[in-house]
Amino acid sequence: MTSRVLALERQIEKLKTKLASIGDLRPGNLSEQYNVCGKPACRCKARPPERHGPYYQLGWTRHGKSTTRFVRRSELVTVRRQLKNYARLKGLLEQWVDLSSELCEIKMQEAKRK
């Protein structure tokens, strides 16, 4: 085995360790929403308007189905951490695929030489 193969295998093992420690995952995007109500004399109808909010909305798509739900302020820290964990997971998986692709190419070339 070449030193590059060993280096790639070590990097992949490090990624696997990082993947195992990620924590709770949540796909999607979090957005701030501001609303206007139906009361005619409300502050949201003033000049300039002072809309109600912010309200936080989480949107995601899984298995071809889009979903949204409101997130309470008390849940924001947890949801943001879960979203960050999911983004980290995707990044680590991309790195793993890149390293593995290179490793597979090297192994195929070595097999041709034999």
PDB file of N, CA and C in Angstrom:
ATOM      1  N   MET A   1       0.835  -1.190   0.000  1.00  0.00           N
ATOM      2  CA  MET A   1       0.000   0.000   0.000  1.00  0.00           C
ATOM      3  C   MET A   1       0.874   1.245   0.000  1.00  0.00           C
ATOM      4  N   THR A   2       0.425   2.246  -0.723  1.00  0.00           N
ATOM      5  CA  THR A   2       1.189   3.486  -0.807  1.00  0.00           C
ATOM      6  C   THR A   2       0.889   4.368   0.397  1.00  0.00           C
ATOM      7  N   SER A   3       1.734   5.350   0.611  1.00  0.00           N
ATOM      8  CA  SER A   3       1.529   6.274   1.732  1.00  0.00           C
ATOM      9  C   SER A   3       0.258   7.098   1.530  1.00  0.00           C
ATOM     10  N   ARG A   4      -0.081   7.375   0.260  1.00  0.00           N
ATOM     11  CA  ARG A   4      -1.312   8.142  -0.014  1.00  0.00           C
ATOM     12  C   ARG A   4      -2.548   7.339   0.391  1.00  0.00           C
ATOM     13  N   VAL A   5      -2.528   6.030   0.124  1.00  0.00           N
ATOM     14  CA  VAL A   5      -3.659   5.176   0.514  1.00  0.00           C
ATOM     15  C   VAL A   5      -3.807   5.189   2.032  1.00  0.00           C
ATOM     16  N   LEU A   6      -2.712   5.045   2.743  1.00  0.00           N
ATOM     17  CA  LEU A   6      -2.763   5.066   4.203  1.00  0.00           C
ATOM     18  C   LEU A   6      -3.261   6.414   4.724  1.00  0.00           C
ATOM     19  N   ALA A   7      -2.816   7.491   4.115  1.00  0.00           N
ATOM     20  CA  ALA A   7      -3.259   8.834   4.529  1.00  0.00           C
ATOM     21  C   ALA A   7      -4.758   9.011   4.297  1.00  0.00           C
ATOM     22  N   LEU A   8      -5.245   8.552   3.156  1.00  0.00           N
ATOM     23  CA  LEU A   8      -6.680   8.649   2.854  1.00  0.00           C
ATOM     24  C   LEU A   8      -7.489   7.825   3.843  1.00  0.00           C
ATOM     25  N   GLU A   9      -7.021   6.621   4.143  1.00  0.00           N
ATOM     26  CA  GLU A   9      -7.743   5.757   5.088  1.00  0.00           C
ATOM     27  C   GLU A   9      -7.773   6.379   6.483  1.00  0.00           C
ATOM     28  N   ARG A  10      -6.676   7.013   6.901  1.00  0.00           N
ATOM     29  CA  ARG A  10      -6.646   7.695   8.202  1.00  0.00           C
ATOM     30  C   ARG A  10      -7.639   8.860   8.228  1.00  0.00           C
ATOM     31  N   GLN A  11      -7.676   9.636   7.148  1.00  0.00           N
ATOM     32  CA  GLN A  11      -8.607  10.770   7.072  1.00  0.00           C
ATOM     33  C   GLN A  11     -10.058  10.283   7.123  1.00  0.00           C
ATOM     34  N   ILE A  12     -10.340   9.189   6.443  1.00  0.00           N
ATOM     35  CA  ILE A  12     -11.703   8.637   6.451  1.00  0.00           C
ATOM     36  C   ILE A  12     -12.075   8.167   7.863  1.00  0.00           C
ATOM     37  N   GLU A  13     -11.161   7.543   8.555  1.00  0.00           N
ATOM     38  CA  GLU A  13     -11.431   7.103   9.936  1.00  0.00           C
ATOM     39  C   GLU A  13     -11.705   8.294  10.849  1.00  0.00           C
ATOM     40  N   LYS A  14     -10.969   9.389  10.672  1.00  0.00           N
ATOM     41  CA  LYS A  14     -11.214  10.604  11.466  1.00  0.00           C
ATOM     42  C   LYS A  14     -12.613  11.155  11.188  1.00  0.00           C
ATOM     43  N   LEU A  15     -13.014  11.133   9.910  1.00  0.00           N
ATOM     44  CA  LEU A  15     -14.359  11.606   9.548  1.00  0.00           C
ATOM     45  C   LEU A  15     -15.431  10.739  10.199  1.00  0.00           C
ATOM     46  N   LYS A  16     -15.227   9.436  10.204  1.00  0.00           N
ATOM     47  CA  LYS A  16     -16.197   8.524  10.820  1.00  0.00           C
ATOM     48  C   LYS A  16     -16.358   8.830  12.306  1.00  0.00           C
ATOM     49  N   THR A  17     -15.259   9.136  12.976  1.00  0.00           N
ATOM     50  CA  THR A  17     -15.314   9.490  14.393  1.00  0.00           C
ATOM     51  C   THR A  17     -16.107  10.778  14.591  1.00  0.00           C
ATOM     52  N   LYS A  18     -15.858  11.761  13.744  1.00  0.00           N
ATOM     53  CA  LYS A  18     -16.600  13.019  13.829  1.00  0.00           C
ATOM     54  C   LYS A  18     -18.086  12.799  13.560  1.00  0.00           C
ATOM     55  N   LEU A  19     -18.407  11.960  12.589  1.00  0.00           N
ATOM     56  CA  LEU A  19     -19.807  11.678  12.261  1.00  0.00           C
ATOM     57  C   LEU A  19     -20.540  11.050  13.446  1.00  0.00           C
ATOM     58  N   ALA A  20     -19.850  10.181  14.164  1.00  0.00           N
ATOM     59  CA  ALA A  20     -20.480   9.479  15.281  1.00  0.00           C
ATOM     60  C   ALA A  20     -20.817  10.412  16.444  1.00  0.00           C
ATOM     61  N   SER A  21     -20.208  11.589  16.494  1.00  0.00           N
ATOM     62  CA  SER A  21     -20.410  12.489  17.632  1.00  0.00           C
ATOM     63  C   SER A  21     -21.251  13.720  17.306  1.00  0.00           C
ATOM     64  N   ILE A  22     -21.937  13.712  16.186  1.00  0.00           N
ATOM     65  CA  ILE A  22     -22.644  14.918  15.743  1.00  0.00           C
ATOM     66  C   ILE A  22     -23.818  15.298  16.647  1.00  0.00           C
ATOM     67  N   GLY A  23     -24.684  14.397  16.992  1.00  0.00           N
ATOM     68  CA  GLY A  23     -25.849  14.739  17.816  1.00  0.00           C
ATOM     69  C   GLY A  23     -27.116  14.811  16.993  1.00  0.00           C
ATOM     70  N   ASP A  24     -28.132  15.449  17.560  1.00  0.00           N
ATOM     71  CA  ASP A  24     -29.444  15.531  16.907  1.00  0.00           C
ATOM     72  C   ASP A  24     -29.369  16.311  15.605  1.00  0.00           C
ATOM     73  N   LEU A  25     -30.126  15.830  14.625  1.00  0.00           N
ATOM     74  CA  LEU A  25     -30.110  16.415  13.280  1.00  0.00           C
ATOM     75  C   LEU A  25     -31.490  16.917  12.897  1.00  0.00           C
ATOM     76  N   ARG A  26     -31.503  18.017  12.160  1.00  0.00           N
ATOM     77  CA  ARG A  26     -32.763  18.533  11.622  1.00  0.00           C
ATOM     78  C   ARG A  26     -32.455  19.223  10.297  1.00  0.00           C
ATOM     79  N   PRO A  27     -33.050  18.738   9.212  1.00  0.00           N
ATOM     80  CA  PRO A  27     -32.863  19.429   7.932  1.00  0.00           C
ATOM     81  C   PRO A  27     -33.768  20.655   7.869  1.00  0.00           C
ATOM     82  N   GLY A  28     -33.447  21.575   6.982  1.00  0.00           N
ATOM     83  CA  GLY A  28     -34.350  22.689   6.745  1.00  0.00           C
ATOM     84  C   GLY A  28     -33.697  24.043   6.904  1.00  0.00           C
ATOM     85  N   ASN A  29     -34.569  25.049   6.863  1.00  0.00           N
ATOM     86  CA  ASN A  29     -34.152  26.442   6.986  1.00  0.00           C
ATOM     87  C   ASN A  29     -35.069  27.146   7.971  1.00  0.00           C
ATOM     88  N   LEU A  30     -34.467  28.023   8.751  1.00  0.00           N
ATOM     89  CA  LEU A  30     -35.219  28.797   9.729  1.00  0.00           C
ATOM     90  C   LEU A  30     -35.339  30.227   9.222  1.00  0.00           C
ATOM     91  N   SER A  31     -36.554  30.766   9.257  1.00  0.00           N
ATOM     92  CA  SER A  31     -36.742  32.148   8.797  1.00  0.00           C
ATOM     93  C   SER A  31     -37.557  32.933   9.814  1.00  0.00           C
ATOM     94  N   GLU A  32     -37.346  34.252   9.795  1.00  0.00           N
ATOM     95  CA  GLU A  32     -38.116  35.163  10.641  1.00  0.00           C
ATOM     96  C   GLU A  32     -39.319  35.649   9.853  1.00  0.00           C
ATOM     97  N   GLN A  33     -40.468  35.651  10.484  1.00  0.00           N
ATOM     98  CA  GLN A  33     -41.697  36.110   9.847  1.00  0.00           C
ATOM     99  C   GLN A  33     -42.278  37.269  10.654  1.00  0.00           C
ATOM    100  N   TYR A  34     -42.825  38.242   9.956  1.00  0.00           N
ATOM    101  CA  TYR A  34     -43.527  39.357  10.584  1.00  0.00           C
ATOM    102  C   TYR A  34     -44.903  39.417   9.954  1.00  0.00           C
ATOM    103  N   ASN A  35     -45.933  39.605  10.786  1.00  0.00           N
ATOM    104  CA  ASN A  35     -47.305  39.553  10.288  1.00  0.00           C
ATOM    105  C   ASN A  35     -48.044  40.869  10.495  1.00  0.00           C
ATOM    106  N   VAL A  36     -49.106  41.018   9.723  1.00  0.00           N
ATOM    107  CA  VAL A  36     -50.041  42.126   9.860  1.00  0.00           C
ATOM    108  C   VAL A  36     -51.379  41.503  10.224  1.00  0.00           C
ATOM    109  N   CYS A  37     -52.004  42.025  11.288  1.00  0.00           N
ATOM    110  CA  CYS A  37     -53.276  41.445  11.736  1.00  0.00           C
ATOM    111  C   CYS A  37     -54.470  42.131  11.060  1.00  0.00           C
ATOM    112  N   GLY A  38     -55.661  41.767  11.444  1.00  0.00           N
ATOM    113  CA  GLY A  38     -56.870  42.314  10.831  1.00  0.00           C
ATOM    114  C   GLY A  38     -57.499  43.462  11.598  1.00  0.00           C
ATOM    115  N   LYS A  39     -56.922  43.869  12.714  1.00  0.00           N
ATOM    116  CA  LYS A  39     -57.504  44.960  13.513  1.00  0.00           C
ATOM    117  C   LYS A  39     -57.193  46.299  12.851  1.00  0.00           C
ATOM    118  N   PRO A  40     -58.208  47.112  12.549  1.00  0.00           N
ATOM    119  CA  PRO A  40     -57.990  48.364  11.817  1.00  0.00           C
ATOM    120  C   PRO A  40     -57.126  49.394  12.549  1.00  0.00           C
ATOM    121  N   ALA A  41     -57.172  49.462  13.874  1.00  0.00           N
ATOM    122  CA  ALA A  41     -56.434  50.488  14.608  1.00  0.00           C
ATOM    123  C   ALA A  41     -55.125  49.954  15.194  1.00  0.00           C
ATOM    124  N   CYS A  42     -54.676  48.823  14.761  1.00  0.00           N
ATOM    125  CA  CYS A  42     -53.485  48.190  15.329  1.00  0.00           C
ATOM    126  C   CYS A  42     -52.216  48.906  14.866  1.00  0.00           C
ATOM    127  N   ARG A  43     -51.158  48.758  15.630  1.00  0.00           N
ATOM    128  CA  ARG A  43     -49.869  49.365  15.306  1.00  0.00           C
ATOM    129  C   ARG A  43     -49.299  48.846  13.986  1.00  0.00           C
ATOM    130  N   CYS A  44     -49.755  47.671  13.571  1.00  0.00           N
ATOM    131  CA  CYS A  44     -49.234  47.117  12.319  1.00  0.00           C
ATOM    132  C   CYS A  44     -49.825  47.819  11.095  1.00  0.00           C
ATOM    133  N   LYS A  45     -50.820  48.677  11.308  1.00  0.00           N
ATOM    134  CA  LYS A  45     -51.419  49.449  10.220  1.00  0.00           C
ATOM    135  C   LYS A  45     -50.953  50.905  10.238  1.00  0.00           C
ATOM    136  N   ALA A  46     -50.145  51.270  11.215  1.00  0.00           N
ATOM    137  CA  ALA A  46     -49.684  52.650  11.373  1.00  0.00           C
ATOM    138  C   ALA A  46     -48.722  53.029  10.252  1.00  0.00           C
ATOM    139  N   ARG A  47     -48.365  54.301  10.205  1.00  0.00           N
ATOM    140  CA  ARG A  47     -47.373  54.805   9.247  1.00  0.00           C
ATOM    141  C   ARG A  47     -46.161  55.275  10.021  1.00  0.00           C
ATOM    142  N   PRO A  48     -45.030  54.681  10.007  1.00  0.00           N
ATOM    143  CA  PRO A  48     -44.716  53.408   9.361  1.00  0.00           C
ATOM    144  C   PRO A  48     -45.269  52.232  10.171  1.00  0.00           C
ATOM    145  N   PRO A  49     -45.528  51.127   9.509  1.00  0.00           N
ATOM    146  CA  PRO A  49     -46.122  49.988  10.215  1.00  0.00           C
ATOM    147  C   PRO A  49     -45.125  49.304  11.158  1.00  0.00           C
ATOM    148  N   GLU A  50     -45.647  48.859  12.290  1.00  0.00           N
ATOM    149  CA  GLU A  50     -44.869  48.055  13.237  1.00  0.00           C
ATOM    150  C   GLU A  50     -45.491  46.669  13.249  1.00  0.00           C
ATOM    151  N   ARG A  51     -44.977  45.829  12.407  1.00  0.00           N
ATOM    152  CA  ARG A  51     -45.550  44.486  12.263  1.00  0.00           C
ATOM    153  C   ARG A  51     -45.352  43.635  13.513  1.00  0.00           C
ATOM    154  N   HIS A  52     -46.193  42.623  13.649  1.00  0.00           N
ATOM    155  CA  HIS A  52     -46.115  41.686  14.761  1.00  0.00           C
ATOM    156  C   HIS A  52     -45.008  40.668  14.472  1.00  0.00           C
ATOM    157  N   GLY A  53     -44.235  40.375  15.493  1.00  0.00           N
ATOM    158  CA  GLY A  53     -43.184  39.377  15.313  1.00  0.00           C
ATOM    159  C   GLY A  53     -41.919  39.816  16.004  1.00  0.00           C
ATOM    160  N   PRO A  54     -40.848  39.139  15.780  1.00  0.00           N
ATOM    161  CA  PRO A  54     -40.702  38.076  14.791  1.00  0.00           C
ATOM    162  C   PRO A  54     -41.284  36.746  15.275  1.00  0.00           C
ATOM    163  N   TYR A  55     -41.764  35.980  14.314  1.00  0.00           N
ATOM    164  CA  TYR A  55     -42.161  34.601  14.516  1.00  0.00           C
ATOM    165  C   TYR A  55     -41.168  33.781  13.707  1.00  0.00           C
ATOM    166  N   TYR A  56     -40.810  32.639  14.206  1.00  0.00           N
ATOM    167  CA  TYR A  56     -39.802  31.820  13.538  1.00  0.00           C
ATOM    168  C   TYR A  56     -40.460  30.614  12.898  1.00  0.00           C
ATOM    169  N   GLN A  57     -40.113  30.413  11.628  1.00  0.00           N
ATOM    170  CA  GLN A  57     -40.721  29.325  10.870  1.00  0.00           C
ATOM    171  C   GLN A  57     -39.614  28.426  10.311  1.00  0.00           C
ATOM    172  N   LEU A  58     -39.809  27.135  10.507  1.00  0.00           N
ATOM    173  CA  LEU A  58     -38.880  26.137  10.014  1.00  0.00           C
ATOM    174  C   LEU A  58     -39.512  25.466   8.803  1.00  0.00           C
ATOM    175  N   GLY A  59     -38.772  25.401   7.709  1.00  0.00           N
ATOM    176  CA  GLY A  59     -39.265  24.743   6.500  1.00  0.00           C
ATOM    177  C   GLY A  59     -38.278  23.679   6.055  1.00  0.00           C
ATOM    178  N   TRP A  60     -38.795  22.538   5.601  1.00  0.00           N
ATOM    179  CA  TRP A  60     -37.934  21.471   5.120  1.00  0.00           C
ATOM    180  C   TRP A  60     -38.691  20.584   4.145  1.00  0.00           C
ATOM    181  N   THR A  61     -37.939  19.829   3.370  1.00  0.00           N
ATOM    182  CA  THR A  61     -38.518  18.875   2.426  1.00  0.00           C
ATOM    183  C   THR A  61     -37.885  17.518   2.680  1.00  0.00           C
ATOM    184  N   ARG A  62     -38.709  16.510   2.874  1.00  0.00           N
ATOM    185  CA  ARG A  62     -38.245  15.132   3.057  1.00  0.00           C
ATOM    186  C   ARG A  62     -39.125  14.221   2.228  1.00  0.00           C
ATOM    187  N   HIS A  63     -38.484  13.344   1.491  1.00  0.00           N
ATOM    188  CA  HIS A  63     -39.182  12.369   0.656  1.00  0.00           C
ATOM    189  C   HIS A  63     -40.179  13.044  -0.286  1.00  0.00           C
ATOM    190  N   GLY A  64     -39.781  14.199  -0.824  1.00  0.00           N
ATOM    191  CA  GLY A  64     -40.601  14.905  -1.791  1.00  0.00           C
ATOM    192  C   GLY A  64     -41.742  15.706  -1.200  1.00  0.00           C
ATOM    193  N   LYS A  65     -41.847  15.765   0.115  1.00  0.00           N
ATOM    194  CA  LYS A  65     -42.938  16.490   0.748  1.00  0.00           C
ATOM    195  C   LYS A  65     -42.393  17.682   1.530  1.00  0.00           C
ATOM    196  N   SER A  66     -42.874  18.876   1.189  1.00  0.00           N
ATOM    197  CA  SER A  66     -42.454  20.091   1.887  1.00  0.00           C
ATOM    198  C   SER A  66     -43.328  20.316   3.113  1.00  0.00           C
ATOM    199  N   THR A  67     -42.697  20.751   4.187  1.00  0.00           N
ATOM    200  CA  THR A  67     -43.396  20.976   5.449  1.00  0.00           C
ATOM    201  C   THR A  67     -42.853  22.237   6.102  1.00  0.00           C
ATOM    202  N   THR A  68     -43.721  22.939   6.817  1.00  0.00           N
ATOM    203  CA  THR A  68     -43.284  24.079   7.620  1.00  0.00           C
ATOM    204  C   THR A  68     -43.923  23.965   8.991  1.00  0.00           C
ATOM    205  N   ARG A  69     -43.277  24.574   9.960  1.00  0.00           N
ATOM    206  CA  ARG A  69     -43.854  24.652  11.295  1.00  0.00           C
ATOM    207  C   ARG A  69     -43.255  25.837  12.015  1.00  0.00           C
ATOM    208  N   PHE A  70     -44.052  26.432  12.883  1.00  0.00           N
ATOM    209  CA  PHE A  70     -43.556  27.548  13.672  1.00  0.00           C
ATOM    210  C   PHE A  70     -42.717  27.015  14.820  1.00  0.00           C
ATOM    211  N   VAL A  71     -41.700  27.785  15.174  1.00  0.00           N
ATOM    212  CA  VAL A  71     -40.785  27.410  16.245  1.00  0.00           C
ATOM    213  C   VAL A  71     -40.910  28.473  17.342  1.00  0.00           C
ATOM    214  N   ARG A  72     -41.099  28.030  18.558  1.00  0.00           N
ATOM    215  CA  ARG A  72     -41.192  28.960  19.685  1.00  0.00           C
ATOM    216  C   ARG A  72     -39.811  29.518  20.024  1.00  0.00           C
ATOM    217  N   ARG A  73     -39.802  30.696  20.592  1.00  0.00           N
ATOM    218  CA  ARG A  73     -38.523  31.306  20.993  1.00  0.00           C
ATOM    219  C   ARG A  73     -37.742  30.373  21.913  1.00  0.00           C
ATOM    220  N   SER A  74     -38.440  29.688  22.786  1.00  0.00           N
ATOM    221  CA  SER A  74     -37.771  28.787  23.732  1.00  0.00           C
ATOM    222  C   SER A  74     -37.111  27.599  23.031  1.00  0.00           C
ATOM    223  N   GLU A  75     -37.508  27.311  21.802  1.00  0.00           N
ATOM    224  CA  GLU A  75     -36.942  26.189  21.044  1.00  0.00           C
ATOM    225  C   GLU A  75     -35.832  26.616  20.083  1.00  0.00           C
ATOM    226  N   LEU A  76     -35.623  27.915  19.932  1.00  0.00           N
ATOM    227  CA  LEU A  76     -34.703  28.427  18.911  1.00  0.00           C
ATOM    228  C   LEU A  76     -33.278  27.899  19.053  1.00  0.00           C
ATOM    229  N   VAL A  77     -32.736  27.894  20.253  1.00  0.00           N
ATOM    230  CA  VAL A  77     -31.355  27.446  20.449  1.00  0.00           C
ATOM    231  C   VAL A  77     -31.220  25.987  20.031  1.00  0.00           C
ATOM    232  N   THR A  78     -32.154  25.165  20.440  1.00  0.00           N
ATOM    233  CA  THR A  78     -32.117  23.740  20.108  1.00  0.00           C
ATOM    234  C   THR A  78     -32.253  23.519  18.611  1.00  0.00           C
ATOM    235  N   VAL A  79     -33.214  24.185  17.989  1.00  0.00           N
ATOM    236  CA  VAL A  79     -33.449  24.004  16.546  1.00  0.00           C
ATOM    237  C   VAL A  79     -32.238  24.493  15.747  1.00  0.00           C
ATOM    238  N   ARG A  80     -31.680  25.624  16.125  1.00  0.00           N
ATOM    239  CA  ARG A  80     -30.484  26.120  15.417  1.00  0.00           C
ATOM    240  C   ARG A  80     -29.320  25.145  15.532  1.00  0.00           C
ATOM    241  N   ARG A  81     -29.133  24.553  16.707  1.00  0.00           N
ATOM    242  CA  ARG A  81     -28.066  23.564  16.893  1.00  0.00           C
ATOM    243  C   ARG A  81     -28.320  22.332  16.004  1.00  0.00           C
ATOM    244  N   GLN A  82     -29.571  21.882  15.941  1.00  0.00           N
ATOM    245  CA  GLN A  82     -29.911  20.724  15.109  1.00  0.00           C
ATOM    246  C   GLN A  82     -29.683  21.019  13.629  1.00  0.00           C
ATOM    247  N   LEU A  83     -30.027  22.210  13.193  1.00  0.00           N
ATOM    248  CA  LEU A  83     -29.786  22.617  11.808  1.00  0.00           C
ATOM    249  C   LEU A  83     -28.288  22.669  11.511  1.00  0.00           C
ATOM    250  N   LYS A  84     -27.519  23.198  12.455  1.00  0.00           N
ATOM    251  CA  LYS A  84     -26.066  23.282  12.296  1.00  0.00           C
ATOM    252  C   LYS A  84     -25.465  21.879  12.237  1.00  0.00           C
ATOM    253  N   ASN A  85     -25.956  20.972  13.085  1.00  0.00           N
ATOM    254  CA  ASN A  85     -25.482  19.590  13.068  1.00  0.00           C
ATOM    255  C   ASN A  85     -25.764  18.923  11.727  1.00  0.00           C
ATOM    256  N   TYR A  86     -26.933  19.195  11.160  1.00  0.00           N
ATOM    257  CA  TYR A  86     -27.288  18.601   9.870  1.00  0.00           C
ATOM    258  C   TYR A  86     -26.361  19.127   8.769  1.00  0.00           C
ATOM    259  N   ALA A  87     -26.088  20.431   8.805  1.00  0.00           N
ATOM    260  CA  ALA A  87     -25.175  21.018   7.816  1.00  0.00           C
ATOM    261  C   ALA A  87     -23.781  20.423   7.970  1.00  0.00           C
ATOM    262  N   ARG A  88     -23.359  20.220   9.209  1.00  0.00           N
ATOM    263  CA  ARG A  88     -22.046  19.609   9.462  1.00  0.00           C
ATOM    264  C   ARG A  88     -22.014  18.182   8.927  1.00  0.00           C
ATOM    265  N   LEU A  89     -23.096  17.436   9.160  1.00  0.00           N
ATOM    266  CA  LEU A  89     -23.192  16.066   8.641  1.00  0.00           C
ATOM    267  C   LEU A  89     -23.008  16.044   7.131  1.00  0.00           C
ATOM    268  N   LYS A  90     -23.707  16.932   6.446  1.00  0.00           N
ATOM    269  CA  LYS A  90     -23.607  16.974   4.986  1.00  0.00           C
ATOM    270  C   LYS A  90     -22.186  17.305   4.537  1.00  0.00           C
ATOM    271  N   GLY A  91     -21.543  18.230   5.224  1.00  0.00           N
ATOM    272  CA  GLY A  91     -20.167  18.588   4.882  1.00  0.00           C
ATOM    273  C   GLY A  91     -19.205  17.430   5.097  1.00  0.00           C
ATOM    274  N   LEU A  92     -19.356  16.744   6.224  1.00  0.00           N
ATOM    275  CA  LEU A  92     -18.485  15.600   6.503  1.00  0.00           C
ATOM    276  C   LEU A  92     -18.710  14.470   5.500  1.00  0.00           C
ATOM    277  N   LEU A  93     -19.959  14.244   5.129  1.00  0.00           N
ATOM    278  CA  LEU A  93     -20.250  13.202   4.129  1.00  0.00           C
ATOM    279  C   LEU A  93     -19.645  13.548   2.777  1.00  0.00           C
ATOM    280  N   GLU A  94     -19.690  14.813   2.407  1.00  0.00           N
ATOM    281  CA  GLU A  94     -19.074  15.240   1.143  1.00  0.00           C
ATOM    282  C   GLU A  94     -17.571  14.986   1.163  1.00  0.00           C
ATOM    283  N   GLN A  95     -16.938  15.306   2.298  1.00  0.00           N
ATOM    284  CA  GLN A  95     -15.506  15.047   2.425  1.00  0.00           C
ATOM    285  C   GLN A  95     -15.215  13.549   2.314  1.00  0.00           C
ATOM    286  N   TRP A  96     -16.044  12.734   2.951  1.00  0.00           N
ATOM    287  CA  TRP A  96     -15.859  11.283   2.922  1.00  0.00           C
ATOM    288  C   TRP A  96     -15.974  10.758   1.492  1.00  0.00           C
ATOM    289  N   VAL A  97     -16.967  11.237   0.782  1.00  0.00           N
ATOM    290  CA  VAL A  97     -17.155  10.808  -0.613  1.00  0.00           C
ATOM    291  C   VAL A  97     -15.948  11.214  -1.456  1.00  0.00           C
ATOM    292  N   ASP A  98     -15.462  12.430  -1.275  1.00  0.00           N
ATOM    293  CA  ASP A  98     -14.286  12.888  -2.037  1.00  0.00           C
ATOM    294  C   ASP A  98     -13.067  12.017  -1.752  1.00  0.00           C
ATOM    295  N   LEU A  99     -12.807  11.782  -0.467  1.00  0.00           N
ATOM    296  CA  LEU A  99     -11.656  10.956  -0.091  1.00  0.00           C
ATOM    297  C   LEU A  99     -11.817   9.522  -0.585  1.00  0.00           C
ATOM    298  N   SER A 100     -13.007   8.991  -0.444  1.00  0.00           N
ATOM    299  CA  SER A 100     -13.263   7.621  -0.868  1.00  0.00           C
ATOM    300  C   SER A 100     -13.141   7.466  -2.381  1.00  0.00           C
ATOM    301  N   SER A 101     -13.586   8.444  -3.126  1.00  0.00           N
ATOM    302  CA  SER A 101     -13.460   8.397  -4.583  1.00  0.00           C
ATOM    303  C   SER A 101     -12.003   8.352  -4.999  1.00  0.00           C
ATOM    304  N   GLU A 102     -11.195   9.201  -4.343  1.00  0.00           N
ATOM    305  CA  GLU A 102      -9.768   9.197  -4.647  1.00  0.00           C
ATOM    306  C   GLU A 102      -9.139   7.856  -4.273  1.00  0.00           C
ATOM    307  N   LEU A 103      -9.526   7.325  -3.121  1.00  0.00           N
ATOM    308  CA  LEU A 103      -9.005   6.037  -2.667  1.00  0.00           C
ATOM    309  C   LEU A 103      -9.381   4.917  -3.634  1.00  0.00           C
ATOM    310  N   CYS A 104     -10.599   4.925  -4.102  1.00  0.00           N
ATOM    311  CA  CYS A 104     -11.052   3.902  -5.057  1.00  0.00           C
ATOM    312  C   CYS A 104     -10.263   3.979  -6.365  1.00  0.00           C
ATOM    313  N   GLU A 105     -10.021   5.187  -6.824  1.00  0.00           N
ATOM    314  CA  GLU A 105      -9.241   5.353  -8.054  1.00  0.00           C
ATOM    315  C   GLU A 105      -7.834   4.789  -7.894  1.00  0.00           C
ATOM    316  N   ILE A 106      -7.204   5.101  -6.788  1.00  0.00           N
ATOM    317  CA  ILE A 106      -5.852   4.604  -6.533  1.00  0.00           C
ATOM    318  C   ILE A 106      -5.849   3.081  -6.477  1.00  0.00           C
ATOM    319  N   LYS A 107      -6.814   2.495  -5.781  1.00  0.00           N
ATOM    320  CA  LYS A 107      -6.890   1.039  -5.667  1.00  0.00           C
ATOM    321  C   LYS A 107      -7.136   0.378  -7.029  1.00  0.00           C
ATOM    322  N   MET A 108      -7.967   1.012  -7.847  1.00  0.00           N
ATOM    323  CA  MET A 108      -8.216   0.461  -9.191  1.00  0.00           C
ATOM    324  C   MET A 108      -6.952   0.508 -10.043  1.00  0.00           C
ATOM    325  N   GLN A 109      -6.220   1.611  -9.942  1.00  0.00           N
ATOM    326  CA  GLN A 109      -4.962   1.717 -10.707  1.00  0.00           C
ATOM    327  C   GLN A 109      -3.937   0.690 -10.228  1.00  0.00           C
ATOM    328  N   GLU A 110      -3.873   0.480  -8.922  1.00  0.00           N
ATOM    329  CA  GLU A 110      -2.949  -0.528  -8.386  1.00  0.00           C
ATOM    330  C   GLU A 110      -3.339  -1.932  -8.840  1.00  0.00           C
ATOM    331  N   ALA A 111      -4.635  -2.192  -8.917  1.00  0.00           N
ATOM    332  CA  ALA A 111      -5.088  -3.513  -9.337  1.00  0.00           C
ATOM    333  C   ALA A 111      -4.766  -3.761 -10.808  1.00  0.00           C
ATOM    334  N   LYS A 112      -4.805  -2.711 -11.627  1.00  0.00           N
ATOM    335  CA  LYS A 112      -4.470  -2.848 -13.050  1.00  0.00           C
ATOM    336  C   LYS A 112      -2.987  -3.204 -13.224  1.00  0.00           C
ATOM    337  N   ARG A 113      -2.145  -2.614 -12.373  1.00  0.00           N
ATOM    338  CA  ARG A 113      -0.704  -2.848 -12.470  1.00  0.00           C
ATOM    339  C   ARG A 113      -0.328  -4.285 -12.115  1.00  0.00           C
ATOM    340  N   LYS A 114      -1.129  -4.934 -11.288  1.00  0.00           N
ATOM    341  CA  LYS A 114      -0.797  -6.297 -10.830  1.00  0.00           C
ATOM    342  C   LYS A 114      -1.184  -7.350 -11.805  1.00  0.00           C
TER     343      LYS A 114
END
